[in-house]
Amino acid sequence: MKKVLIADDQFGWRNFNSKAVYEVLGNDTEMDTASSAEEAYTKLLESKDKPYDYLLTDMQMETNYLPKLAGEWLIEQAQNISFCNNMKIIIISATPHIRYIAENYGVDFIPKPVAAVSLEAFKEVLSN
C-alpha cells in the first residue's frame, strides 16, 4: 500500500489530484490531504511510524513564508525530516517558475495546466 499526502489550498485541486493518484496507483492507496503547507508539515511530522511515499504539493498557498512560496517552504521542511528521505516529492502548481523550483530542490513537477488534461503526466512522475 502506498501512502500519499496532497497539499493544496483549493479543494477542487485536492480532489482532482486524489482521483488522478488513485487512477495511477490503484485503490490500495492511503490518501491524506492538507489545505495548507503548515497542515501538511504537521501531517508529515505525525507520520514517523508510517511515512508517506509521495508528497504532491501546490506552491501558492498561504503567504506566511514570503519571500518563499508556501510549497517551497514545505519542500524544504520535508527534505529535512530524516524519516521522509525516501518520499518522492512532486510539485503540481501553476506558478510560472515551477521548473526552476523543481530543479532547485531536485523534485518532480507537473504544471497545473498539464495536470488538468493529462493523466499520463501523473503516470510518468508516480512511476519513476
Protein backbone atom coordinates (compact mmCIF):
# COMPACT_ATOMS: atom_id res chain seq x y z
CA MET A 1 0.00 0.00 0.00
CA LYS A 2 1.29 3.44 -0.99
CA LYS A 3 0.75 6.40 1.31
CA VAL A 4 0.17 9.81 -0.32
CA LEU A 5 -0.17 13.35 1.03
CA ILE A 6 -1.65 16.06 -1.19
CA ALA A 7 -1.22 19.71 -0.13
CA ASP A 8 -3.26 22.36 -1.96
CA ASP A 9 -5.33 25.24 -0.65
CA GLN A 10 -8.07 24.61 -3.23
CA PHE A 11 -10.49 21.77 -2.51
CA GLY A 12 -11.07 21.16 -6.22
CA TRP A 13 -7.39 20.52 -6.87
CA ARG A 14 -7.02 18.29 -3.78
CA ASN A 15 -9.95 16.23 -5.05
CA PHE A 16 -8.69 16.18 -8.66
CA ASN A 17 -5.17 15.14 -7.65
CA SER A 18 -6.54 12.44 -5.33
CA LYS A 19 -8.59 10.93 -8.16
CA ALA A 20 -5.59 11.03 -10.52
CA VAL A 21 -3.36 9.32 -7.94
CA TYR A 22 -5.97 6.60 -7.32
CA GLU A 23 -6.23 6.11 -11.07
CA VAL A 24 -2.47 5.58 -11.37
CA LEU A 25 -1.64 3.78 -8.10
CA GLY A 26 -4.91 1.93 -7.61
CA ASN A 27 -7.36 1.75 -4.75
CA ASP A 28 -4.76 0.18 -2.48
CA THR A 29 -3.56 3.71 -1.70
CA GLU A 30 -3.83 5.55 1.60
CA MET A 31 -4.62 9.19 0.81
CA ASP A 32 -4.34 12.22 3.09
CA THR A 33 -4.89 15.84 2.16
CA ALA A 34 -3.91 19.18 3.63
CA SER A 35 -5.25 22.63 2.80
CA SER A 36 -2.03 24.45 3.71
CA ALA A 37 1.72 23.94 3.90
CA GLU A 38 1.51 24.19 7.69
CA GLU A 39 -1.11 21.44 7.89
CA ALA A 40 0.91 19.24 5.51
CA TYR A 41 4.05 19.76 7.59
CA THR A 42 2.19 18.67 10.73
CA LYS A 43 0.95 15.54 8.95
CA LEU A 44 4.49 14.76 7.77
CA LEU A 45 5.79 15.01 11.34
CA GLU A 46 2.99 12.77 12.59
CA SER A 47 3.82 10.08 10.01
CA LYS A 48 7.02 8.86 11.66
CA ASP A 49 5.74 5.32 12.20
CA LYS A 50 4.47 5.04 8.62
CA PRO A 51 6.00 7.78 6.44
CA TYR A 52 4.41 8.95 3.22
CA ASP A 53 5.65 7.53 -0.08
CA TYR A 54 4.58 10.63 -2.02
CA LEU A 55 4.01 14.32 -1.31
CA LEU A 56 2.18 16.26 -4.01
CA THR A 57 2.22 19.96 -3.26
CA ASP A 58 0.98 23.20 -4.71
CA MET A 59 3.34 26.17 -4.46
CA GLN A 60 0.99 29.09 -3.92
CA MET A 61 -0.96 28.51 -0.71
CA GLU A 62 -0.71 30.61 2.47
CA THR A 63 1.58 33.67 2.42
CA ASN A 64 3.27 33.10 5.81
CA TYR A 65 6.60 32.16 4.25
CA LEU A 66 7.27 35.09 1.92
CA PRO A 67 9.52 35.68 0.06
CA LYS A 68 9.37 31.90 -0.44
CA LEU A 69 6.23 30.25 -1.68
CA ALA A 70 4.43 28.05 0.86
CA GLY A 71 5.07 24.91 -1.17
CA GLU A 72 8.75 25.76 -1.42
CA TRP A 73 8.90 26.07 2.38
CA LEU A 74 7.09 22.73 2.70
CA ILE A 75 9.59 21.01 0.39
CA GLU A 76 12.50 22.35 2.46
CA GLN A 77 10.90 21.08 5.67
CA ALA A 78 10.13 17.67 4.16
CA GLN A 79 13.68 17.27 2.87
CA ASN A 80 14.97 17.90 6.40
CA ILE A 81 12.84 15.20 8.07
CA SER A 82 15.05 12.11 8.23
CA PHE A 83 12.21 9.57 8.03
CA CYS A 84 10.92 11.27 4.86
CA ASN A 85 14.16 10.66 2.94
CA ASN A 86 12.56 8.06 0.67
CA MET A 87 9.44 10.12 0.00
CA LYS A 88 9.02 11.32 -3.57
CA ILE A 89 8.03 14.99 -3.84
CA ILE A 90 6.03 16.27 -6.79
CA ILE A 91 5.07 19.89 -7.35
CA ILE A 92 1.69 20.44 -9.02
CA SER A 93 1.34 24.17 -9.48
CA ALA A 94 0.55 26.99 -11.86
CA THR A 95 3.44 29.10 -10.63
CA PRO A 96 5.46 30.35 -13.61
CA HIS A 97 8.78 29.27 -12.05
CA ILE A 98 7.77 25.66 -11.42
CA ARG A 99 10.64 24.14 -13.45
CA TYR A 100 13.25 26.28 -11.72
CA ILE A 101 11.89 25.49 -8.25
CA ALA A 102 11.66 21.75 -9.00
CA GLU A 103 15.22 21.65 -10.35
CA ASN A 104 16.49 23.68 -7.40
CA TYR A 105 15.10 21.10 -4.93
CA GLY A 106 15.63 18.02 -7.08
CA VAL A 107 11.95 17.10 -7.22
CA ASP A 108 9.47 16.31 -9.99
CA PHE A 109 6.75 18.64 -11.21
CA ILE A 110 3.58 18.82 -13.27
CA PRO A 111 2.31 22.25 -14.32
CA LYS A 112 -1.38 22.52 -13.37
CA PRO A 113 -2.46 23.18 -16.98
CA VAL A 114 -0.84 19.86 -17.94
CA ALA A 115 -2.17 18.02 -14.88
CA ALA A 116 -5.69 19.16 -15.77
CA VAL A 117 -5.62 17.35 -19.12
CA SER A 118 -3.02 14.58 -18.86
CA LEU A 119 -3.24 11.50 -16.70
CA GLU A 120 -0.04 10.45 -18.48
CA ALA A 121 1.84 13.20 -16.61
CA PHE A 122 0.76 11.62 -13.31
CA LYS A 123 1.74 8.15 -14.57
CA GLU A 124 5.17 9.43 -15.51
CA VAL A 125 6.03 11.05 -12.16
CA LEU A 126 4.40 8.42 -9.95
CA SER A 127 6.08 5.51 -11.69
CA ASN A 128 9.65 6.82 -11.51
